PDB file of N, CA and C in Angstrom:
ATOM      1  N   UNK A   1       3.365 -25.895   6.919  1.00  0.00           N
ATOM      2  CA  UNK A   1       2.465 -24.771   6.756  1.00  0.00           C
ATOM      3  C   UNK A   1       3.183 -23.497   7.152  1.00  0.00           C
ATOM      4  N   UNK A   2       2.938 -22.451   6.414  1.00  0.00           N
ATOM      5  CA  UNK A   2       3.527 -21.158   6.751  1.00  0.00           C
ATOM      6  C   UNK A   2       3.046 -20.710   8.118  1.00  0.00           C
ATOM      7  N   UNK A   3       3.658 -19.675   8.633  1.00  0.00           N
ATOM      8  CA  UNK A   3       3.304 -19.166   9.947  1.00  0.00           C
ATOM      9  C   UNK A   3       2.110 -18.217   9.852  1.00  0.00           C
ATOM     10  N   UNK A   4       0.961 -18.689  10.292  1.00  0.00           N
ATOM     11  CA  UNK A   4      -0.252 -17.884  10.326  1.00  0.00           C
ATOM     12  C   UNK A   4      -0.718 -17.826  11.776  1.00  0.00           C
ATOM     13  N   UNK A   5      -0.358 -16.771  12.469  1.00  0.00           N
ATOM     14  CA  UNK A   5      -0.646 -16.645  13.890  1.00  0.00           C
ATOM     15  C   UNK A   5      -2.135 -16.480  14.186  1.00  0.00           C
ATOM     16  N   UNK A   6      -2.894 -15.964  13.246  1.00  0.00           N
ATOM     17  CA  UNK A   6      -4.299 -15.661  13.498  1.00  0.00           C
ATOM     18  C   UNK A   6      -5.248 -16.723  12.947  1.00  0.00           C
ATOM     19  N   UNK A   7      -4.729 -17.755  12.313  1.00  0.00           N
ATOM     20  CA  UNK A   7      -5.566 -18.801  11.743  1.00  0.00           C
ATOM     21  C   UNK A   7      -5.457 -20.043  12.630  1.00  0.00           C
ATOM     22  N   UNK A   8      -6.613 -20.586  13.010  1.00  0.00           N
ATOM     23  CA  UNK A   8      -6.621 -21.758  13.890  1.00  0.00           C
ATOM     24  C   UNK A   8      -7.494 -22.860  13.293  1.00  0.00           C
ATOM     25  N   UNK A   9      -7.196 -24.071  13.720  1.00  0.00           N
ATOM     26  CA  UNK A   9      -7.951 -25.256  13.312  1.00  0.00           C
ATOM     27  C   UNK A   9      -8.339 -26.003  14.578  1.00  0.00           C
ATOM     28  N   UNK A  10      -9.617 -26.207  14.766  1.00  0.00           N
ATOM     29  CA  UNK A  10     -10.090 -26.931  15.939  1.00  0.00           C
ATOM     30  C   UNK A  10     -11.322 -27.717  15.512  1.00  0.00           C
ATOM     31  N   UNK A  11     -11.281 -29.050  15.615  1.00  0.00           N
ATOM     32  CA  UNK A  11     -12.433 -29.850  15.199  1.00  0.00           C
ATOM     33  C   UNK A  11     -13.729 -29.471  15.922  1.00  0.00           C
ATOM     34  N   UNK A  12     -13.622 -28.873  17.102  1.00  0.00           N
ATOM     35  CA  UNK A  12     -14.812 -28.483  17.863  1.00  0.00           C
ATOM     36  C   UNK A  12     -15.367 -27.120  17.447  1.00  0.00           C
ATOM     37  N   UNK A  13     -14.645 -26.412  16.588  1.00  0.00           N
ATOM     38  CA  UNK A  13     -15.089 -25.090  16.143  1.00  0.00           C
ATOM     39  C   UNK A  13     -15.265 -25.120  14.629  1.00  0.00           C
ATOM     40  N   UNK A  14     -16.487 -24.955  14.179  1.00  0.00           N
ATOM     41  CA  UNK A  14     -16.817 -24.921  12.753  1.00  0.00           C
ATOM     42  C   UNK A  14     -16.310 -26.158  12.011  1.00  0.00           C
ATOM     43  N   UNK A  15     -16.336 -27.295  12.682  1.00  0.00           N
ATOM     44  CA  UNK A  15     -15.951 -28.555  12.054  1.00  0.00           C
ATOM     45  C   UNK A  15     -14.501 -28.643  11.643  1.00  0.00           C
ATOM     46  N   UNK A  16     -13.643 -27.834  12.245  1.00  0.00           N
ATOM     47  CA  UNK A  16     -12.220 -27.879  11.933  1.00  0.00           C
ATOM     48  C   UNK A  16     -11.802 -27.012  10.763  1.00  0.00           C
ATOM     49  N   UNK A  17     -12.750 -26.254  10.199  1.00  0.00           N
ATOM     50  CA  UNK A  17     -12.385 -25.342   9.107  1.00  0.00           C
ATOM     51  C   UNK A  17     -11.437 -24.273   9.648  1.00  0.00           C
ATOM     52  N   UNK A  18     -10.585 -23.723   8.787  1.00  0.00           N
ATOM     53  CA  UNK A  18      -9.693 -22.661   9.261  1.00  0.00           C
ATOM     54  C   UNK A  18     -10.507 -21.447   9.703  1.00  0.00           C
ATOM     55  N   UNK A  19     -10.270 -21.035  10.936  1.00  0.00           N
ATOM     56  CA  UNK A  19     -10.992 -19.913  11.533  1.00  0.00           C
ATOM     57  C   UNK A  19     -10.013 -18.831  11.967  1.00  0.00           C
ATOM     58  N   UNK A  20     -10.549 -17.672  12.205  1.00  0.00           N
ATOM     59  CA  UNK A  20      -9.743 -16.549  12.676  1.00  0.00           C
ATOM     60  C   UNK A  20      -9.713 -16.570  14.201  1.00  0.00           C
ATOM     61  N   UNK A  21      -8.528 -16.681  14.754  1.00  0.00           N
ATOM     62  CA  UNK A  21      -8.284 -16.624  16.201  1.00  0.00           C
ATOM     63  C   UNK A  21      -9.204 -17.511  17.020  1.00  0.00           C
ATOM     64  N   UNK A  22      -9.633 -18.634  16.480  1.00  0.00           N
ATOM     65  CA  UNK A  22     -10.442 -19.572  17.237  1.00  0.00           C
ATOM     66  C   UNK A  22     -11.898 -19.175  17.392  1.00  0.00           C
ATOM     67  N   UNK A  23     -12.282 -18.044  16.827  1.00  0.00           N
ATOM     68  CA  UNK A  23     -13.684 -17.649  16.895  1.00  0.00           C
ATOM     69  C   UNK A  23     -14.429 -18.232  15.704  1.00  0.00           C
ATOM     70  N   UNK A  24     -15.717 -18.163  15.721  1.00  0.00           N
ATOM     71  CA  UNK A  24     -16.532 -18.842  14.719  1.00  0.00           C
ATOM     72  C   UNK A  24     -16.686 -18.028  13.441  1.00  0.00           C
ATOM     73  N   UNK A  25     -15.588 -17.496  12.953  1.00  0.00           N
ATOM     74  CA  UNK A  25     -15.562 -16.811  11.657  1.00  0.00           C
ATOM     75  C   UNK A  25     -14.510 -17.521  10.820  1.00  0.00           C
ATOM     76  N   UNK A  26     -14.957 -18.142   9.730  1.00  0.00           N
ATOM     77  CA  UNK A  26     -14.022 -18.920   8.920  1.00  0.00           C
ATOM     78  C   UNK A  26     -13.296 -18.034   7.907  1.00  0.00           C
ATOM     79  N   UNK A  27     -12.161 -18.546   7.480  1.00  0.00           N
ATOM     80  CA  UNK A  27     -11.428 -17.887   6.402  1.00  0.00           C
ATOM     81  C   UNK A  27     -12.335 -17.769   5.176  1.00  0.00           C
ATOM     82  N   UNK A  28     -13.093 -18.823   4.898  1.00  0.00           N
ATOM     83  CA  UNK A  28     -13.995 -18.812   3.748  1.00  0.00           C
ATOM     84  C   UNK A  28     -15.034 -17.708   3.820  1.00  0.00           C
ATOM     85  N   UNK A  29     -15.534 -17.421   5.010  1.00  0.00           N
ATOM     86  CA  UNK A  29     -16.503 -16.334   5.172  1.00  0.00           C
ATOM     87  C   UNK A  29     -15.877 -15.003   4.791  1.00  0.00           C
ATOM     88  N   UNK A  30     -14.687 -14.754   5.298  1.00  0.00           N
ATOM     89  CA  UNK A  30     -14.008 -13.484   5.007  1.00  0.00           C
ATOM     90  C   UNK A  30     -13.670 -13.379   3.530  1.00  0.00           C
ATOM     91  N   UNK A  31     -13.126 -14.437   2.960  1.00  0.00           N
ATOM     92  CA  UNK A  31     -12.774 -14.413   1.536  1.00  0.00           C
ATOM     93  C   UNK A  31     -14.033 -14.211   0.691  1.00  0.00           C
ATOM     94  N   UNK A  32     -15.108 -14.865   1.057  1.00  0.00           N
ATOM     95  CA  UNK A  32     -16.363 -14.701   0.326  1.00  0.00           C
ATOM     96  C   UNK A  32     -16.880 -13.274   0.373  1.00  0.00           C
ATOM     97  N   UNK A  33     -16.775 -12.631   1.526  1.00  0.00           N
ATOM     98  CA  UNK A  33     -17.218 -11.239   1.640  1.00  0.00           C
ATOM     99  C   UNK A  33     -16.360 -10.320   0.781  1.00  0.00           C
ATOM    100  N   UNK A  34     -15.049 -10.516   0.819  1.00  0.00           N
ATOM    101  CA  UNK A  34     -14.158  -9.696  -0.013  1.00  0.00           C
ATOM    102  C   UNK A  34     -14.469  -9.919  -1.489  1.00  0.00           C
ATOM    103  N   UNK A  35     -14.660 -11.166  -1.874  1.00  0.00           N
ATOM    104  CA  UNK A  35     -14.962 -11.490  -3.277  1.00  0.00           C
ATOM    105  C   UNK A  35     -16.302 -10.909  -3.714  1.00  0.00           C
ATOM    106  N   UNK A  36     -17.212 -10.709  -2.773  1.00  0.00           N
ATOM    107  CA  UNK A  36     -18.525 -10.141  -3.088  1.00  0.00           C
ATOM    108  C   UNK A  36     -18.511  -8.615  -3.135  1.00  0.00           C
ATOM    109  N   UNK A  37     -17.349  -8.048  -2.854  1.00  0.00           N
ATOM    110  CA  UNK A  37     -17.230  -6.600  -2.978  1.00  0.00           C
ATOM    111  C   UNK A  37     -17.270  -5.825  -1.676  1.00  0.00           C
ATOM    112  N   UNK A  38     -17.324  -6.511  -0.553  1.00  0.00           N
ATOM    113  CA  UNK A  38     -17.325  -5.812   0.724  1.00  0.00           C
ATOM    114  C   UNK A  38     -15.942  -5.227   0.993  1.00  0.00           C
ATOM    115  N   UNK A  39     -15.913  -3.991   1.439  1.00  0.00           N
ATOM    116  CA  UNK A  39     -14.660  -3.352   1.845  1.00  0.00           C
ATOM    117  C   UNK A  39     -14.311  -3.826   3.252  1.00  0.00           C
ATOM    118  N   UNK A  40     -13.049  -3.691   3.623  1.00  0.00           N
ATOM    119  CA  UNK A  40     -12.627  -4.106   4.959  1.00  0.00           C
ATOM    120  C   UNK A  40     -13.460  -3.430   6.038  1.00  0.00           C
ATOM    121  N   UNK A  41     -13.754  -2.136   5.871  1.00  0.00           N
ATOM    122  CA  UNK A  41     -14.559  -1.408   6.861  1.00  0.00           C
ATOM    123  C   UNK A  41     -15.943  -2.035   7.006  1.00  0.00           C
ATOM    124  N   UNK A  42     -16.522  -2.470   5.889  1.00  0.00           N
ATOM    125  CA  UNK A  42     -17.838  -3.117   5.927  1.00  0.00           C
ATOM    126  C   UNK A  42     -17.776  -4.428   6.708  1.00  0.00           C
ATOM    127  N   UNK A  43     -16.731  -5.210   6.469  1.00  0.00           N
ATOM    128  CA  UNK A  43     -16.574  -6.494   7.157  1.00  0.00           C
ATOM    129  C   UNK A  43     -16.373  -6.264   8.654  1.00  0.00           C
ATOM    130  N   UNK A  44     -15.571  -5.270   8.991  1.00  0.00           N
ATOM    131  CA  UNK A  44     -15.337  -4.975  10.405  1.00  0.00           C
ATOM    132  C   UNK A  44     -16.611  -4.475  11.085  1.00  0.00           C
ATOM    133  N   UNK A  45     -17.472  -3.806  10.352  1.00  0.00           N
ATOM    134  CA  UNK A  45     -18.754  -3.362  10.915  1.00  0.00           C
ATOM    135  C   UNK A  45     -19.690  -4.558  11.126  1.00  0.00           C
ATOM    136  N   UNK A  46     -19.661  -5.513  10.189  1.00  0.00           N
ATOM    137  CA  UNK A  46     -20.491  -6.716  10.320  1.00  0.00           C
ATOM    138  C   UNK A  46     -20.012  -7.619  11.455  1.00  0.00           C
ATOM    139  N   UNK A  47     -18.698  -7.679  11.640  1.00  0.00           N
ATOM    140  CA  UNK A  47     -18.077  -8.528  12.661  1.00  0.00           C
ATOM    141  C   UNK A  47     -17.172  -7.654  13.528  1.00  0.00           C
ATOM    142  N   UNK A  48     -17.748  -6.908  14.484  1.00  0.00           N
ATOM    143  CA  UNK A  48     -16.958  -5.940  15.250  1.00  0.00           C
ATOM    144  C   UNK A  48     -15.841  -6.559  16.101  1.00  0.00           C
ATOM    145  N   UNK A  49     -15.871  -7.861  16.321  1.00  0.00           N
ATOM    146  CA  UNK A  49     -14.827  -8.514  17.106  1.00  0.00           C
ATOM    147  C   UNK A  49     -13.625  -8.882  16.242  1.00  0.00           C
ATOM    148  N   UNK A  50     -13.700  -8.653  14.919  1.00  0.00           N
ATOM    149  CA  UNK A  50     -12.543  -8.866  14.050  1.00  0.00           C
ATOM    150  C   UNK A  50     -11.653  -7.630  14.072  1.00  0.00           C
ATOM    151  N   UNK A  51     -10.402  -7.845  13.714  1.00  0.00           N
ATOM    152  CA  UNK A  51      -9.426  -6.762  13.593  1.00  0.00           C
ATOM    153  C   UNK A  51      -8.962  -6.711  12.142  1.00  0.00           C
ATOM    154  N   UNK A  52      -8.495  -5.555  11.683  1.00  0.00           N
ATOM    155  CA  UNK A  52      -8.042  -5.458  10.287  1.00  0.00           C
ATOM    156  C   UNK A  52      -7.011  -6.526   9.927  1.00  0.00           C
ATOM    157  N   UNK A  53      -6.140  -6.868  10.876  1.00  0.00           N
ATOM    158  CA  UNK A  53      -5.115  -7.876  10.617  1.00  0.00           C
ATOM    159  C   UNK A  53      -5.728  -9.258  10.374  1.00  0.00           C
ATOM    160  N   UNK A  54      -6.907  -9.505  10.931  1.00  0.00           N
ATOM    161  CA  UNK A  54      -7.585 -10.779  10.706  1.00  0.00           C
ATOM    162  C   UNK A  54      -7.958 -10.943   9.235  1.00  0.00           C
ATOM    163  N   UNK A  55      -8.437  -9.874   8.636  1.00  0.00           N
ATOM    164  CA  UNK A  55      -8.827  -9.918   7.220  1.00  0.00           C
ATOM    165  C   UNK A  55      -7.600 -10.146   6.352  1.00  0.00           C
ATOM    166  N   UNK A  56      -6.547  -9.418   6.640  1.00  0.00           N
ATOM    167  CA  UNK A  56      -5.307  -9.566   5.871  1.00  0.00           C
ATOM    168  C   UNK A  56      -4.775 -10.992   5.966  1.00  0.00           C
ATOM    169  N   UNK A  57      -4.741 -11.537   7.164  1.00  0.00           N
ATOM    170  CA  UNK A  57      -4.200 -12.887   7.317  1.00  0.00           C
ATOM    171  C   UNK A  57      -5.105 -13.940   6.690  1.00  0.00           C
ATOM    172  N   UNK A  58      -6.416 -13.749   6.750  1.00  0.00           N
ATOM    173  CA  UNK A  58      -7.333 -14.691   6.100  1.00  0.00           C
ATOM    174  C   UNK A  58      -7.084 -14.709   4.594  1.00  0.00           C
ATOM    175  N   UNK A  59      -6.877 -13.556   4.005  1.00  0.00           N
ATOM    176  CA  UNK A  59      -6.600 -13.491   2.564  1.00  0.00           C
ATOM    177  C   UNK A  59      -5.241 -14.105   2.244  1.00  0.00           C
ATOM    178  N   UNK A  60      -4.248 -13.847   3.085  1.00  0.00           N
ATOM    179  CA  UNK A  60      -2.925 -14.459   2.880  1.00  0.00           C
ATOM    180  C   UNK A  60      -3.013 -15.977   2.965  1.00  0.00           C
ATOM    181  N   UNK A  61      -3.764 -16.476   3.953  1.00  0.00           N
ATOM    182  CA  UNK A  61      -3.920 -17.919   4.118  1.00  0.00           C
ATOM    183  C   UNK A  61      -4.607 -18.524   2.896  1.00  0.00           C
ATOM    184  N   UNK A  62      -5.671 -17.892   2.423  1.00  0.00           N
ATOM    185  CA  UNK A  62      -6.405 -18.415   1.269  1.00  0.00           C
ATOM    186  C   UNK A  62      -5.514 -18.438   0.030  1.00  0.00           C
ATOM    187  N   UNK A  63      -4.708 -17.402  -0.151  1.00  0.00           N
ATOM    188  CA  UNK A  63      -3.798 -17.365  -1.298  1.00  0.00           C
ATOM    189  C   UNK A  63      -2.756 -18.468  -1.183  1.00  0.00           C
ATOM    190  N   UNK A  64      -2.207 -18.659   0.011  1.00  0.00           N
ATOM    191  CA  UNK A  64      -1.215 -19.718   0.211  1.00  0.00           C
ATOM    192  C   UNK A  64      -1.848 -21.086  -0.024  1.00  0.00           C
ATOM    193  N   UNK A  65      -3.048 -21.284   0.506  1.00  0.00           N
ATOM    194  CA  UNK A  65      -3.723 -22.579   0.367  1.00  0.00           C
ATOM    195  C   UNK A  65      -4.070 -22.894  -1.084  1.00  0.00           C
ATOM    196  N   UNK A  66      -4.398 -21.871  -1.847  1.00  0.00           N
ATOM    197  CA  UNK A  66      -4.733 -22.079  -3.256  1.00  0.00           C
ATOM    198  C   UNK A  66      -3.512 -22.542  -4.051  1.00  0.00           C
ATOM    199  N   UNK A  67      -2.334 -22.186  -3.592  1.00  0.00           N
ATOM    200  CA  UNK A  67      -1.106 -22.565  -4.289  1.00  0.00           C
ATOM    201  C   UNK A  67      -0.514 -23.869  -3.776  1.00  0.00           C
ATOM    202  N   UNK A  68      -0.985 -24.336  -2.630  1.00  0.00           N
ATOM    203  CA  UNK A  68      -0.456 -25.564  -2.059  1.00  0.00           C
ATOM    204  C   UNK A  68      -0.850 -26.770  -2.919  1.00  0.00           C
ATOM    205  N   UNK A  69       0.050 -27.719  -3.017  1.00  0.00           N
ATOM    206  CA  UNK A  69      -0.218 -28.936  -3.798  1.00  0.00           C
ATOM    207  C   UNK A  69      -0.305 -30.105  -2.831  1.00  0.00           C
ATOM    208  N   UNK A  70      -1.369 -30.862  -2.959  1.00  0.00           N
ATOM    209  CA  UNK A  70      -1.519 -32.059  -2.143  1.00  0.00           C
ATOM    210  C   UNK A  70      -1.148 -33.279  -2.985  1.00  0.00           C
ATOM    211  N   UNK A  71      -0.268 -34.090  -2.436  1.00  0.00           N
ATOM    212  CA  UNK A  71       0.162 -35.297  -3.135  1.00  0.00           C
ATOM    213  C   UNK A  71      -0.369 -36.507  -2.377  1.00  0.00           C
ATOM    214  N   UNK A  72      -0.889 -37.484  -3.103  1.00  0.00           N
ATOM    215  CA  UNK A  72      -1.386 -38.688  -2.418  1.00  0.00           C
ATOM    216  C   UNK A  72      -0.227 -39.495  -1.842  1.00  0.00           C
ATOM    217  N   UNK A  73      -0.487 -40.133  -0.715  1.00  0.00           N
ATOM    218  CA  UNK A  73       0.504 -41.017  -0.123  1.00  0.00           C
ATOM    219  C   UNK A  73       0.456 -42.358  -0.833  1.00  0.00           C
ATOM    220  N   UNK A  74       1.599 -42.884  -1.123  1.00  0.00           N
ATOM    221  CA  UNK A  74       1.693 -44.179  -1.807  1.00  0.00           C
ATOM    222  C   UNK A  74       2.080 -45.226  -0.774  1.00  0.00           C
ATOM    223  N   UNK A  75       1.312 -46.295  -0.712  1.00  0.00           N
ATOM    224  CA  UNK A  75       1.623 -47.367   0.228  1.00  0.00           C
ATOM    225  C   UNK A  75       2.930 -48.031  -0.162  1.00  0.00           C
ATOM    226  N   UNK A  76       3.728 -48.356   0.831  1.00  0.00           N
ATOM    227  CA  UNK A  76       5.040 -48.986   0.578  1.00  0.00           C
ATOM    228  C   UNK A  76       4.886 -50.425   0.175  1.00  0.00           C
TER     229      UNK A  76
END
């Protein structure tokens, strides 16, 4: 996995979905807001504990994940 300092995975937080800095805001939430037309300023107003870099990294992570290919493991 690429180096994403602000993206965390914890089974105890949001069921292990990728979250921003371990808080209960998922990458999917941020991507969904951007896709719905919210500007970064709007998102930061809705979630004042987020930082602009959180939005950027969430979008970078989503773009990287969309390009990742998962291959099934073949039993030996």
